[in-house]
Amino acid sequence: MELNRRRLNRALEHLAAGDWRTAHEIVQRDEDAALACWAHGIVHIMEGDLPNARYWYGRAKRAFPAQPAAKTEIEALAAALAGEK
């Protein structure tokens, strides 16, 4: 499935604002796209559900950070999305 960049950018805006619930609703629509899976993992870091976050990082084919920090991950995801234009 092709990534819907507009939706992922909206999800990133919500993540950056601390609104992981709305971001979660958005990223669930693109569960086959690696960047969306990464965003889904970040949602669960913010929620405090680290086992579920690890699952989504695995789906994104990304190493789970030793010290998961949502802000750092959001910035890295935004940079990755910008680099794929």
PDB file of N, CA and C in Angstrom:
ATOM      1  N   MET A   1       0.846  -1.185   0.000  1.00  0.00           N
ATOM      2  CA  MET A   1       0.000   0.000   0.000  1.00  0.00           C
ATOM      3  C   MET A   1       0.888   1.243   0.000  1.00  0.00           C
ATOM      4  N   GLU A   2       0.519   2.219  -0.803  1.00  0.00           N
ATOM      5  CA  GLU A   2       1.287   3.452  -0.891  1.00  0.00           C
ATOM      6  C   GLU A   2       0.965   4.370   0.287  1.00  0.00           C
ATOM      7  N   LEU A   3       1.997   5.026   0.771  1.00  0.00           N
ATOM      8  CA  LEU A   3       1.862   5.937   1.905  1.00  0.00           C
ATOM      9  C   LEU A   3       1.046   7.173   1.518  1.00  0.00           C
ATOM     10  N   ASN A   4       0.116   7.549   2.354  1.00  0.00           N
ATOM     11  CA  ASN A   4      -0.636   8.778   2.168  1.00  0.00           C
ATOM     12  C   ASN A   4       0.084   9.870   2.963  1.00  0.00           C
ATOM     13  N   ARG A   5       0.895  10.659   2.263  1.00  0.00           N
ATOM     14  CA  ARG A   5       1.733  11.676   2.921  1.00  0.00           C
ATOM     15  C   ARG A   5       0.910  12.741   3.646  1.00  0.00           C
ATOM     16  N   ARG A   6      -0.193  13.134   3.064  1.00  0.00           N
ATOM     17  CA  ARG A   6      -1.018  14.165   3.696  1.00  0.00           C
ATOM     18  C   ARG A   6      -1.505  13.682   5.064  1.00  0.00           C
ATOM     19  N   ARG A   7      -1.982  12.443   5.109  1.00  0.00           N
ATOM     20  CA  ARG A   7      -2.444  11.899   6.389  1.00  0.00           C
ATOM     21  C   ARG A   7      -1.294  11.785   7.376  1.00  0.00           C
ATOM     22  N   LEU A   8      -0.138  11.299   6.906  1.00  0.00           N
ATOM     23  CA  LEU A   8       0.985  11.139   7.825  1.00  0.00           C
ATOM     24  C   LEU A   8       1.460  12.496   8.345  1.00  0.00           C
ATOM     25  N   ASN A   9       1.479  13.507   7.510  1.00  0.00           N
ATOM     26  CA  ASN A   9       1.848  14.846   7.986  1.00  0.00           C
ATOM     27  C   ASN A   9       0.862  15.344   9.037  1.00  0.00           C
ATOM     28  N   ARG A  10      -0.423  15.061   8.829  1.00  0.00           N
ATOM     29  CA  ARG A  10      -1.428  15.433   9.836  1.00  0.00           C
ATOM     30  C   ARG A  10      -1.176  14.689  11.140  1.00  0.00           C
ATOM     31  N   ALA A  11      -0.861  13.401  11.035  1.00  0.00           N
ATOM     32  CA  ALA A  11      -0.563  12.615  12.236  1.00  0.00           C
ATOM     33  C   ALA A  11       0.651  13.184  12.957  1.00  0.00           C
ATOM     34  N   LEU A  12       1.679  13.581  12.202  1.00  0.00           N
ATOM     35  CA  LEU A  12       2.872  14.179  12.816  1.00  0.00           C
ATOM     36  C   LEU A  12       2.530  15.466  13.558  1.00  0.00           C
ATOM     37  N   GLU A  13       1.669  16.270  12.990  1.00  0.00           N
ATOM     38  CA  GLU A  13       1.246  17.502  13.666  1.00  0.00           C
ATOM     39  C   GLU A  13       0.581  17.177  15.003  1.00  0.00           C
ATOM     40  N   HIS A  14      -0.263  16.172  15.006  1.00  0.00           N
ATOM     41  CA  HIS A  14      -0.934  15.776  16.251  1.00  0.00           C
ATOM     42  C   HIS A  14       0.062  15.185  17.248  1.00  0.00           C
ATOM     43  N   LEU A  15       1.004  14.378  16.765  1.00  0.00           N
ATOM     44  CA  LEU A  15       2.022  13.826  17.663  1.00  0.00           C
ATOM     45  C   LEU A  15       2.830  14.949  18.307  1.00  0.00           C
ATOM     46  N   ALA A  16       3.262  15.910  17.486  1.00  0.00           N
ATOM     47  CA  ALA A  16       4.063  17.024  18.003  1.00  0.00           C
ATOM     48  C   ALA A  16       3.284  17.847  19.025  1.00  0.00           C
ATOM     49  N   ALA A  17       1.966  17.886  18.883  1.00  0.00           N
ATOM     50  CA  ALA A  17       1.115  18.627  19.823  1.00  0.00           C
ATOM     51  C   ALA A  17       0.749  17.789  21.050  1.00  0.00           C
ATOM     52  N   GLY A  18       1.194  16.529  21.063  1.00  0.00           N
ATOM     53  CA  GLY A  18       0.897  15.659  22.198  1.00  0.00           C
ATOM     54  C   GLY A  18      -0.439  14.945  22.102  1.00  0.00           C
ATOM     55  N   ASP A  19      -1.095  15.064  20.966  1.00  0.00           N
ATOM     56  CA  ASP A  19      -2.413  14.448  20.771  1.00  0.00           C
ATOM     57  C   ASP A  19      -2.250  13.080  20.108  1.00  0.00           C
ATOM     58  N   TRP A  20      -1.795  12.108  20.891  1.00  0.00           N
ATOM     59  CA  TRP A  20      -1.526  10.786  20.321  1.00  0.00           C
ATOM     60  C   TRP A  20      -2.812  10.054  19.951  1.00  0.00           C
ATOM     61  N   ARG A  21      -3.917  10.376  20.583  1.00  0.00           N
ATOM     62  CA  ARG A  21      -5.177   9.679  20.261  1.00  0.00           C
ATOM     63  C   ARG A  21      -5.627   9.966  18.821  1.00  0.00           C
ATOM     64  N   THR A  22      -5.597  11.237  18.437  1.00  0.00           N
ATOM     65  CA  THR A  22      -5.975  11.585  17.065  1.00  0.00           C
ATOM     66  C   THR A  22      -4.955  11.040  16.079  1.00  0.00           C
ATOM     67  N   ALA A  23      -3.671  11.131  16.425  1.00  0.00           N
ATOM     68  CA  ALA A  23      -2.627  10.576  15.560  1.00  0.00           C
ATOM     69  C   ALA A  23      -2.844   9.081  15.356  1.00  0.00           C
ATOM     70  N   HIS A  24      -3.252   8.397  16.405  1.00  0.00           N
ATOM     71  CA  HIS A  24      -3.499   6.956  16.322  1.00  0.00           C
ATOM     72  C   HIS A  24      -4.612   6.653  15.322  1.00  0.00           C
ATOM     73  N   GLU A  25      -5.682   7.415  15.375  1.00  0.00           N
ATOM     74  CA  GLU A  25      -6.782   7.216  14.425  1.00  0.00           C
ATOM     75  C   GLU A  25      -6.302   7.379  12.985  1.00  0.00           C
ATOM     76  N   ILE A  26      -5.398   8.320  12.771  1.00  0.00           N
ATOM     77  CA  ILE A  26      -4.903   8.599  11.420  1.00  0.00           C
ATOM     78  C   ILE A  26      -3.973   7.492  10.932  1.00  0.00           C
ATOM     79  N   VAL A  27      -2.986   7.112  11.739  1.00  0.00           N
ATOM     80  CA  VAL A  27      -1.978   6.149  11.261  1.00  0.00           C
ATOM     81  C   VAL A  27      -2.554   4.753  11.074  1.00  0.00           C
ATOM     82  N   GLN A  28      -3.651   4.454  11.714  1.00  0.00           N
ATOM     83  CA  GLN A  28      -4.262   3.138  11.538  1.00  0.00           C
ATOM     84  C   GLN A  28      -4.761   2.922  10.114  1.00  0.00           C
ATOM     85  N   ARG A  29      -4.877   3.972   9.344  1.00  0.00           N
ATOM     86  CA  ARG A  29      -5.355   3.856   7.958  1.00  0.00           C
ATOM     87  C   ARG A  29      -4.257   3.441   6.985  1.00  0.00           C
ATOM     88  N   ASP A  30      -2.993   3.548   7.376  1.00  0.00           N
ATOM     89  CA  ASP A  30      -1.862   3.249   6.486  1.00  0.00           C
ATOM     90  C   ASP A  30      -0.947   2.202   7.114  1.00  0.00           C
ATOM     91  N   GLU A  31      -1.501   1.124   7.615  1.00  0.00           N
ATOM     92  CA  GLU A  31      -0.718   0.165   8.385  1.00  0.00           C
ATOM     93  C   GLU A  31       0.278  -0.651   7.571  1.00  0.00           C
ATOM     94  N   ASP A  32       0.260  -0.546   6.246  1.00  0.00           N
ATOM     95  CA  ASP A  32       1.225  -1.278   5.433  1.00  0.00           C
ATOM     96  C   ASP A  32       2.431  -0.431   5.049  1.00  0.00           C
ATOM     97  N   ALA A  33       2.377   0.867   5.278  1.00  0.00           N
ATOM     98  CA  ALA A  33       3.478   1.765   4.928  1.00  0.00           C
ATOM     99  C   ALA A  33       4.449   1.870   6.103  1.00  0.00           C
ATOM    100  N   ALA A  34       5.743   1.695   5.830  1.00  0.00           N
ATOM    101  CA  ALA A  34       6.751   1.666   6.898  1.00  0.00           C
ATOM    102  C   ALA A  34       6.760   2.945   7.736  1.00  0.00           C
ATOM    103  N   LEU A  35       6.683   4.108   7.100  1.00  0.00           N
ATOM    104  CA  LEU A  35       6.716   5.351   7.874  1.00  0.00           C
ATOM    105  C   LEU A  35       5.477   5.488   8.755  1.00  0.00           C
ATOM    106  N   ALA A  36       4.345   5.026   8.268  1.00  0.00           N
ATOM    107  CA  ALA A  36       3.130   5.062   9.090  1.00  0.00           C
ATOM    108  C   ALA A  36       3.240   4.089  10.259  1.00  0.00           C
ATOM    109  N   CYS A  37       3.876   2.938  10.025  1.00  0.00           N
ATOM    110  CA  CYS A  37       4.095   1.985  11.129  1.00  0.00           C
ATOM    111  C   CYS A  37       5.014   2.600  12.180  1.00  0.00           C
ATOM    112  N   TRP A  38       6.024   3.336  11.740  1.00  0.00           N
ATOM    113  CA  TRP A  38       6.915   4.029  12.674  1.00  0.00           C
ATOM    114  C   TRP A  38       6.098   5.030  13.495  1.00  0.00           C
ATOM    115  N   ALA A  39       5.265   5.820  12.813  1.00  0.00           N
ATOM    116  CA  ALA A  39       4.409   6.777  13.529  1.00  0.00           C
ATOM    117  C   ALA A  39       3.505   6.051  14.515  1.00  0.00           C
ATOM    118  N   HIS A  40       3.006   4.896  14.124  1.00  0.00           N
ATOM    119  CA  HIS A  40       2.142   4.104  15.000  1.00  0.00           C
ATOM    120  C   HIS A  40       2.925   3.687  16.246  1.00  0.00           C
ATOM    121  N   GLY A  41       4.194   3.320  16.055  1.00  0.00           N
ATOM    122  CA  GLY A  41       5.041   2.988  17.199  1.00  0.00           C
ATOM    123  C   GLY A  41       5.236   4.173  18.128  1.00  0.00           C
ATOM    124  N   ILE A  42       5.413   5.351  17.552  1.00  0.00           N
ATOM    125  CA  ILE A  42       5.580   6.562  18.360  1.00  0.00           C
ATOM    126  C   ILE A  42       4.314   6.836  19.170  1.00  0.00           C
ATOM    127  N   VAL A  43       3.163   6.613  18.554  1.00  0.00           N
ATOM    128  CA  VAL A  43       1.889   6.762  19.277  1.00  0.00           C
ATOM    129  C   VAL A  43       1.929   5.938  20.558  1.00  0.00           C
ATOM    130  N   HIS A  44       2.367   4.686  20.437  1.00  0.00           N
ATOM    131  CA  HIS A  44       2.353   3.800  21.600  1.00  0.00           C
ATOM    132  C   HIS A  44       3.454   4.131  22.606  1.00  0.00           C
ATOM    133  N   ILE A  45       4.551   4.746  22.150  1.00  0.00           N
ATOM    134  CA  ILE A  45       5.544   5.271  23.101  1.00  0.00           C
ATOM    135  C   ILE A  45       4.879   6.358  23.938  1.00  0.00           C
ATOM    136  N   MET A  46       4.180   7.265  23.266  1.00  0.00           N
ATOM    137  CA  MET A  46       3.522   8.364  23.973  1.00  0.00           C
ATOM    138  C   MET A  46       2.446   7.853  24.921  1.00  0.00           C
ATOM    139  N   GLU A  47       1.779   6.795  24.521  1.00  0.00           N
ATOM    140  CA  GLU A  47       0.718   6.204  25.334  1.00  0.00           C
ATOM    141  C   GLU A  47       1.289   5.456  26.534  1.00  0.00           C
ATOM    142  N   GLY A  48       2.563   5.060  26.420  1.00  0.00           N
ATOM    143  CA  GLY A  48       3.190   4.281  27.489  1.00  0.00           C
ATOM    144  C   GLY A  48       3.081   2.781  27.282  1.00  0.00           C
ATOM    145  N   ASP A  49       2.631   2.356  26.114  1.00  0.00           N
ATOM    146  CA  ASP A  49       2.480   0.938  25.781  1.00  0.00           C
ATOM    147  C   ASP A  49       3.703   0.486  24.976  1.00  0.00           C
ATOM    148  N   LEU A  50       4.822   0.261  25.679  1.00  0.00           N
ATOM    149  CA  LEU A  50       6.075  -0.050  24.994  1.00  0.00           C
ATOM    150  C   LEU A  50       6.060  -1.391  24.263  1.00  0.00           C
ATOM    151  N   PRO A  51       5.420  -2.446  24.785  1.00  0.00           N
ATOM    152  CA  PRO A  51       5.370  -3.683  23.994  1.00  0.00           C
ATOM    153  C   PRO A  51       4.690  -3.481  22.629  1.00  0.00           C
ATOM    154  N   ASN A  52       3.604  -2.723  22.603  1.00  0.00           N
ATOM    155  CA  ASN A  52       2.925  -2.444  21.342  1.00  0.00           C
ATOM    156  C   ASN A  52       3.787  -1.543  20.465  1.00  0.00           C
ATOM    157  N   ALA A  53       4.492  -0.590  21.065  1.00  0.00           N
ATOM    158  CA  ALA A  53       5.402   0.271  20.306  1.00  0.00           C
ATOM    159  C   ALA A  53       6.481  -0.573  19.632  1.00  0.00           C
ATOM    160  N   ARG A  54       7.044  -1.531  20.362  1.00  0.00           N
ATOM    161  CA  ARG A  54       8.069  -2.415  19.780  1.00  0.00           C
ATOM    162  C   ARG A  54       7.515  -3.177  18.574  1.00  0.00           C
ATOM    163  N   TYR A  55       6.293  -3.646  18.697  1.00  0.00           N
ATOM    164  CA  TYR A  55       5.656  -4.356  17.583  1.00  0.00           C
ATOM    165  C   TYR A  55       5.629  -3.472  16.337  1.00  0.00           C
ATOM    166  N   TRP A  56       5.187  -2.218  16.488  1.00  0.00           N
ATOM    167  CA  TRP A  56       5.071  -1.328  15.333  1.00  0.00           C
ATOM    168  C   TRP A  56       6.427  -0.916  14.785  1.00  0.00           C
ATOM    169  N   TYR A  57       7.420  -0.798  15.640  1.00  0.00           N
ATOM    170  CA  TYR A  57       8.777  -0.537  15.145  1.00  0.00           C
ATOM    171  C   TYR A  57       9.249  -1.720  14.308  1.00  0.00           C
ATOM    172  N   GLY A  58       8.917  -2.920  14.746  1.00  0.00           N
ATOM    173  CA  GLY A  58       9.251  -4.106  13.960  1.00  0.00           C
ATOM    174  C   GLY A  58       8.569  -4.090  12.605  1.00  0.00           C
ATOM    175  N   ARG A  59       7.295  -3.708  12.575  1.00  0.00           N
ATOM    176  CA  ARG A  59       6.570  -3.604  11.300  1.00  0.00           C
ATOM    177  C   ARG A  59       7.198  -2.542  10.399  1.00  0.00           C
ATOM    178  N   ALA A  60       7.779  -1.507  11.015  1.00  0.00           N
ATOM    179  CA  ALA A  60       8.433  -0.439  10.256  1.00  0.00           C
ATOM    180  C   ALA A  60       9.859  -0.818   9.863  1.00  0.00           C
ATOM    181  N   LYS A  61      10.325  -1.977  10.338  1.00  0.00           N
ATOM    182  CA  LYS A  61      11.702  -2.434  10.113  1.00  0.00           C
ATOM    183  C   LYS A  61      12.717  -1.443  10.683  1.00  0.00           C
ATOM    184  N   ARG A  62      12.421  -0.974  11.882  1.00  0.00           N
ATOM    185  CA  ARG A  62      13.298  -0.038  12.594  1.00  0.00           C
ATOM    186  C   ARG A  62      13.659  -0.628  13.940  1.00  0.00           C
ATOM    187  N   ALA A  63      14.872  -0.336  14.372  1.00  0.00           N
ATOM    188  CA  ALA A  63      15.301  -0.757  15.706  1.00  0.00           C
ATOM    189  C   ALA A  63      14.550   0.072  16.742  1.00  0.00           C
ATOM    190  N   PHE A  64      14.093  -0.589  17.783  1.00  0.00           N
ATOM    191  CA  PHE A  64      13.415   0.132  18.855  1.00  0.00           C
ATOM    192  C   PHE A  64      14.472   0.849  19.683  1.00  0.00           C
ATOM    193  N   PRO A  65      14.296   2.149  19.949  1.00  0.00           N
ATOM    194  CA  PRO A  65      15.321   2.897  20.684  1.00  0.00           C
ATOM    195  C   PRO A  65      15.490   2.393  22.117  1.00  0.00           C
ATOM    196  N   ALA A  66      16.748   2.357  22.561  1.00  0.00           N
ATOM    197  CA  ALA A  66      17.043   1.904  23.926  1.00  0.00           C
ATOM    198  C   ALA A  66      16.380   2.815  24.957  1.00  0.00           C
ATOM    199  N   GLN A  67      16.351   4.095  24.677  1.00  0.00           N
ATOM    200  CA  GLN A  67      15.705   5.085  25.544  1.00  0.00           C
ATOM    201  C   GLN A  67      14.641   5.803  24.714  1.00  0.00           C
ATOM    202  N   PRO A  68      13.471   5.197  24.553  1.00  0.00           N
ATOM    203  CA  PRO A  68      12.467   5.798  23.674  1.00  0.00           C
ATOM    204  C   PRO A  68      12.018   7.180  24.148  1.00  0.00           C
ATOM    205  N   ALA A  69      12.213   8.162  23.288  1.00  0.00           N
ATOM    206  CA  ALA A  69      11.804   9.539  23.575  1.00  0.00           C
ATOM    207  C   ALA A  69      10.947  10.011  22.403  1.00  0.00           C
ATOM    208  N   ALA A  70       9.693  10.278  22.661  1.00  0.00           N
ATOM    209  CA  ALA A  70       8.756  10.622  21.596  1.00  0.00           C
ATOM    210  C   ALA A  70       9.221  11.834  20.794  1.00  0.00           C
ATOM    211  N   LYS A  71       9.692  12.876  21.462  1.00  0.00           N
ATOM    212  CA  LYS A  71      10.095  14.100  20.754  1.00  0.00           C
ATOM    213  C   LYS A  71      11.199  13.805  19.744  1.00  0.00           C
ATOM    214  N   THR A  72      12.203  13.047  20.159  1.00  0.00           N
ATOM    215  CA  THR A  72      13.312  12.693  19.275  1.00  0.00           C
ATOM    216  C   THR A  72      12.814  11.864  18.098  1.00  0.00           C
ATOM    217  N   GLU A  73      11.932  10.928  18.377  1.00  0.00           N
ATOM    218  CA  GLU A  73      11.404  10.061  17.322  1.00  0.00           C
ATOM    219  C   GLU A  73      10.519  10.841  16.350  1.00  0.00           C
ATOM    220  N   ILE A  74       9.734  11.770  16.860  1.00  0.00           N
ATOM    221  CA  ILE A  74       8.886  12.597  15.990  1.00  0.00           C
ATOM    222  C   ILE A  74       9.758  13.420  15.051  1.00  0.00           C
ATOM    223  N   GLU A  75      10.825  14.012  15.584  1.00  0.00           N
ATOM    224  CA  GLU A  75      11.736  14.808  14.756  1.00  0.00           C
ATOM    225  C   GLU A  75      12.398  13.947  13.689  1.00  0.00           C
ATOM    226  N   ALA A  76      12.822  12.741  14.056  1.00  0.00           N
ATOM    227  CA  ALA A  76      13.467  11.841  13.095  1.00  0.00           C
ATOM    228  C   ALA A  76      12.483  11.394  12.015  1.00  0.00           C
ATOM    229  N   LEU A  77      11.260  11.110  12.403  1.00  0.00           N
ATOM    230  CA  LEU A  77      10.241  10.713  11.432  1.00  0.00           C
ATOM    231  C   LEU A  77       9.932  11.867  10.482  1.00  0.00           C
ATOM    232  N   ALA A  78       9.828  13.073  11.002  1.00  0.00           N
ATOM    233  CA  ALA A  78       9.569  14.241  10.153  1.00  0.00           C
ATOM    234  C   ALA A  78      10.695  14.422   9.138  1.00  0.00           C
ATOM    235  N   ALA A  79      11.941  14.240   9.578  1.00  0.00           N
ATOM    236  CA  ALA A  79      13.084  14.361   8.671  1.00  0.00           C
ATOM    237  C   ALA A  79      13.052  13.264   7.611  1.00  0.00           C
ATOM    238  N   ALA A  80      12.705  12.050   8.013  1.00  0.00           N
ATOM    239  CA  ALA A  80      12.627  10.942   7.056  1.00  0.00           C
ATOM    240  C   ALA A  80      11.534  11.194   6.023  1.00  0.00           C
ATOM    241  N   LEU A  81      10.405  11.695   6.467  1.00  0.00           N
ATOM    242  CA  LEU A  81       9.305  11.981   5.549  1.00  0.00           C
ATOM    243  C   LEU A  81       9.692  13.102   4.586  1.00  0.00           C
ATOM    244  N   ALA A  82      10.368  14.121   5.081  1.00  0.00           N
ATOM    245  CA  ALA A  82      10.805  15.230   4.230  1.00  0.00           C
ATOM    246  C   ALA A  82      11.830  14.753   3.202  1.00  0.00           C
ATOM    247  N   GLY A  83      12.666  13.799   3.590  1.00  0.00           N
ATOM    248  CA  GLY A  83      13.691  13.284   2.689  1.00  0.00           C
ATOM    249  C   GLY A  83      13.154  12.392   1.591  1.00  0.00           C
ATOM    250  N   GLU A  84      11.924  11.942   1.700  1.00  0.00           N
ATOM    251  CA  GLU A  84      11.329  11.049   0.705  1.00  0.00           C
ATOM    252  C   GLU A  84      10.532  11.793  -0.356  1.00  0.00           C
ATOM    253  N   LYS A  85      10.575  13.098  -0.353  1.00  0.00           N
ATOM    254  CA  LYS A  85       9.798  13.881  -1.339  1.00  0.00           C
ATOM    255  C   LYS A  85      10.323  13.674  -2.734  1.00  0.00           C
TER     256      LYS A  85
END
